[in-house]
Amino acid sequence: MMRRFIPLLIFAVFALMTAVTLVKRNQPAPLSETTQKPLPTLALTALNNPARTFDAAALQGRVTLLNVFASWCLPCMEEMDELQQLAKEFPALHIEGMVWNDSPGAIRAFLKQHGNPFRFLWQDKTGQAAIALGLRGVPESYLIDSRGQIFHRISGPIDARMREETLAPLITRALAEADNAR
């Protein structure tokens, strides 16, 4: 009687392994692309002071990582450790956050739970900044050089491998270029 179920059991195990493989294969990897375009005009207000607005000119002379995130975004939670590691590894890097489609209270709770690697937090209340950047989804990050040019874009969460193999060399080079320009 037990022998009748062995083929069914083998089929079920094979089907499960195939399903797991297909699901893993279809999970998108972060899209990392080199670009060279000026930072567009962004209509952002400070999260803690709505009277203060974003000024791209304030980024001139420094290398910035602008990270777009939301408290309800699971991949955003995953990348917080990597952003904090970047902040420790590169103290001259200005990591700024752009909150997308979220409330200040939810963001404060999110940062309290997951840590806050950001020097400054901006809120995109109207969605116009997301449109200007060509936001594909959250999280998304933009490396901005000392001249205000977006030179690298990451669509998806930053993981340890991307931080070490892609971002660290790009940030090192951009910081050196910024120092040489002074």
Protein backbone atom coordinates (compact mmCIF):
# COMPACT_ATOMS: atom_id res chain seq x y z
CA MET A 1 0.00 0.00 0.00
CA MET A 2 2.83 2.38 0.88
CA ARG A 3 4.47 1.69 -2.49
CA ARG A 4 1.52 3.29 -4.28
CA PHE A 5 2.30 6.64 -2.69
CA ILE A 6 6.02 6.68 -3.51
CA PRO A 7 5.54 7.95 -7.12
CA LEU A 8 3.12 10.59 -5.85
CA LEU A 9 5.61 11.65 -3.17
CA ILE A 10 8.45 11.86 -5.73
CA PHE A 11 6.26 13.95 -8.03
CA ALA A 12 5.29 16.31 -5.17
CA VAL A 13 8.93 16.84 -4.16
CA PHE A 14 9.93 17.48 -7.78
CA ALA A 15 7.03 19.93 -8.26
CA LEU A 16 7.96 21.79 -5.06
CA MET A 17 11.63 22.07 -6.10
CA THR A 18 10.61 23.36 -9.53
CA ALA A 19 8.27 25.95 -8.01
CA VAL A 20 10.94 27.21 -5.60
CA THR A 21 13.46 27.50 -8.44
CA LEU A 22 11.01 29.45 -10.62
CA VAL A 23 10.09 31.83 -7.81
CA LYS A 24 13.74 32.54 -6.97
CA ARG A 25 14.64 33.04 -10.62
CA ASN A 26 11.81 35.55 -11.09
CA GLN A 27 12.81 37.75 -8.17
CA PRO A 28 14.26 40.88 -9.72
CA ALA A 29 17.82 41.79 -8.86
CA PRO A 30 18.52 45.47 -8.25
CA LEU A 31 19.08 47.31 -11.50
CA SER A 32 22.34 49.21 -11.27
CA GLU A 33 23.12 51.60 -14.08
CA THR A 34 25.67 54.27 -14.79
CA THR A 35 24.22 57.50 -16.05
CA GLN A 36 25.27 61.11 -16.41
CA LYS A 37 22.45 63.57 -16.09
CA PRO A 38 21.80 66.64 -13.99
CA LEU A 39 19.71 66.27 -10.88
CA PRO A 40 16.26 67.53 -11.91
CA THR A 41 14.37 70.19 -10.00
CA LEU A 42 12.76 68.41 -7.07
CA ALA A 43 9.73 69.77 -5.22
CA LEU A 44 10.54 68.43 -1.76
CA THR A 45 9.87 69.69 1.74
CA ALA A 46 11.77 68.80 4.88
CA LEU A 47 10.02 66.01 6.77
CA ASN A 48 10.36 67.78 10.13
CA ASN A 49 9.96 71.34 8.81
CA PRO A 50 7.52 71.70 5.89
CA ALA A 51 8.51 75.35 5.47
CA ARG A 52 12.00 74.26 4.36
CA THR A 53 12.30 73.21 0.73
CA PHE A 54 14.90 71.18 -1.11
CA ASP A 55 17.68 73.17 -2.79
CA ALA A 56 19.82 71.20 -5.26
CA ALA A 57 22.47 73.93 -5.07
CA ALA A 58 23.11 72.88 -1.46
CA LEU A 59 24.45 69.57 -2.79
CA GLN A 60 27.16 71.29 -4.83
CA GLY A 61 30.65 70.38 -3.71
CA ARG A 62 29.70 67.13 -1.98
CA VAL A 63 28.90 63.58 -2.98
CA THR A 64 25.35 62.56 -2.10
CA LEU A 65 23.38 59.34 -2.10
CA LEU A 66 19.66 60.17 -2.39
CA ASN A 67 17.66 57.14 -1.24
CA VAL A 68 13.94 57.01 -2.00
CA PHE A 69 12.08 54.81 0.47
CA ALA A 70 8.84 54.22 2.37
CA SER A 71 7.97 52.66 5.72
CA TRP A 72 5.63 50.11 4.16
CA CYS A 73 8.32 48.85 1.75
CA LEU A 74 9.85 45.51 2.83
CA PRO A 75 12.96 45.83 0.61
CA CYS A 76 13.50 49.31 2.11
CA MET A 77 13.70 47.69 5.55
CA GLU A 78 16.24 45.19 4.24
CA GLU A 79 18.59 47.85 2.90
CA MET A 80 18.73 50.05 6.01
CA ASP A 81 21.69 48.09 7.42
CA GLU A 82 23.59 48.60 4.15
CA LEU A 83 22.87 52.34 4.15
CA GLN A 84 24.12 52.57 7.73
CA GLN A 85 27.25 50.66 6.74
CA LEU A 86 27.84 53.14 3.88
CA ALA A 87 27.43 56.03 6.34
CA LYS A 88 30.09 54.49 8.62
CA GLU A 89 32.45 53.54 5.79
CA PHE A 90 32.20 56.91 4.02
CA PRO A 91 31.68 59.75 6.54
CA ALA A 92 32.10 62.34 3.77
CA LEU A 93 29.17 60.83 1.84
CA HIS A 94 25.92 62.69 2.43
CA ILE A 95 23.08 60.20 2.56
CA GLU A 96 19.74 61.93 2.24
CA GLY A 97 16.34 60.26 2.26
CA MET A 98 13.36 61.04 0.11
CA VAL A 99 10.14 59.71 1.63
CA TRP A 100 7.68 58.59 -1.00
CA ASN A 101 3.96 58.06 -0.47
CA ASP A 102 4.16 57.89 3.32
CA SER A 103 3.33 59.82 6.47
CA PRO A 104 5.81 61.53 8.79
CA GLY A 105 4.62 59.47 11.77
CA ALA A 106 5.10 56.17 9.95
CA ILE A 107 8.57 57.25 8.82
CA ARG A 108 9.61 58.23 12.34
CA ALA A 109 8.50 54.82 13.67
CA PHE A 110 10.27 53.07 10.76
CA LEU A 111 13.56 54.89 11.43
CA LYS A 112 13.31 54.27 15.17
CA GLN A 113 12.98 50.54 14.49
CA HIS A 114 15.45 50.17 11.59
CA GLY A 115 17.96 52.95 12.25
CA ASN A 116 18.48 56.29 10.57
CA PRO A 117 21.43 56.59 8.17
CA PHE A 118 20.13 59.88 6.71
CA ARG A 119 21.63 63.30 7.28
CA PHE A 120 18.41 64.85 6.06
CA LEU A 121 14.90 63.65 5.20
CA TRP A 122 12.76 65.07 2.44
CA GLN A 123 9.12 64.38 1.65
CA ASP A 124 7.64 64.17 -1.83
CA LYS A 125 4.10 65.27 -0.93
CA THR A 126 2.88 65.79 -4.49
CA GLY A 127 4.69 62.95 -6.27
CA GLN A 128 6.29 65.45 -8.66
CA ALA A 129 9.83 64.65 -7.47
CA ALA A 130 9.25 60.95 -8.17
CA ILE A 131 8.11 61.83 -11.69
CA ALA A 132 11.08 64.17 -12.25
CA LEU A 133 13.51 61.43 -11.17
CA GLY A 134 11.74 58.78 -13.24
CA LEU A 135 11.17 56.69 -10.12
CA ARG A 136 10.55 53.04 -10.97
CA GLY A 137 9.60 52.02 -7.43
CA VAL A 138 11.00 51.94 -3.93
CA PRO A 139 13.66 51.61 -2.85
CA GLU A 140 15.65 53.50 -5.41
CA SER A 141 18.94 55.34 -4.91
CA TYR A 142 20.80 57.99 -6.87
CA LEU A 143 24.50 58.76 -6.52
CA ILE A 144 25.05 62.46 -7.15
CA ASP A 145 28.53 63.83 -7.74
CA SER A 146 29.92 67.12 -6.40
CA ARG A 147 28.73 68.94 -9.55
CA GLY A 148 25.10 67.92 -9.00
CA GLN A 149 25.10 65.21 -11.68
CA ILE A 150 23.38 61.87 -11.13
CA PHE A 151 26.10 59.44 -12.14
CA HIS A 152 24.66 56.14 -10.88
CA ARG A 153 21.17 54.83 -10.20
CA ILE A 154 20.09 51.73 -8.29
CA SER A 155 16.53 50.47 -8.68
CA GLY A 156 15.87 48.00 -5.89
CA PRO A 157 17.41 47.38 -2.48
CA ILE A 158 21.11 47.83 -1.87
CA ASP A 159 22.57 44.58 -0.59
CA ALA A 160 26.04 43.81 0.81
CA ARG A 161 27.40 42.63 -2.53
CA MET A 162 26.23 45.75 -4.36
CA ARG A 163 27.58 47.96 -1.57
CA GLU A 164 31.01 46.32 -1.69
CA GLU A 165 31.44 45.63 -5.41
CA THR A 166 29.61 48.53 -7.04
CA LEU A 167 28.90 51.40 -4.67
CA ALA A 168 32.10 51.50 -2.62
CA PRO A 169 34.36 51.94 -5.70
CA LEU A 170 32.00 54.53 -7.23
CA ILE A 171 31.78 56.51 -3.99
CA THR A 172 35.56 56.34 -3.45
CA ARG A 173 36.15 57.69 -6.96
CA ALA A 174 33.52 60.43 -6.62
CA LEU A 175 34.89 61.57 -3.26
CA ALA A 176 38.43 61.70 -4.70
CA GLU A 177 37.18 63.75 -7.66
CA ALA A 178 35.38 66.12 -5.27
CA ASP A 179 38.60 66.55 -3.22
CA ASN A 180 40.63 67.22 -6.39
CA ALA A 181 38.11 69.83 -7.55
CA ARG A 182 38.58 71.89 -4.36
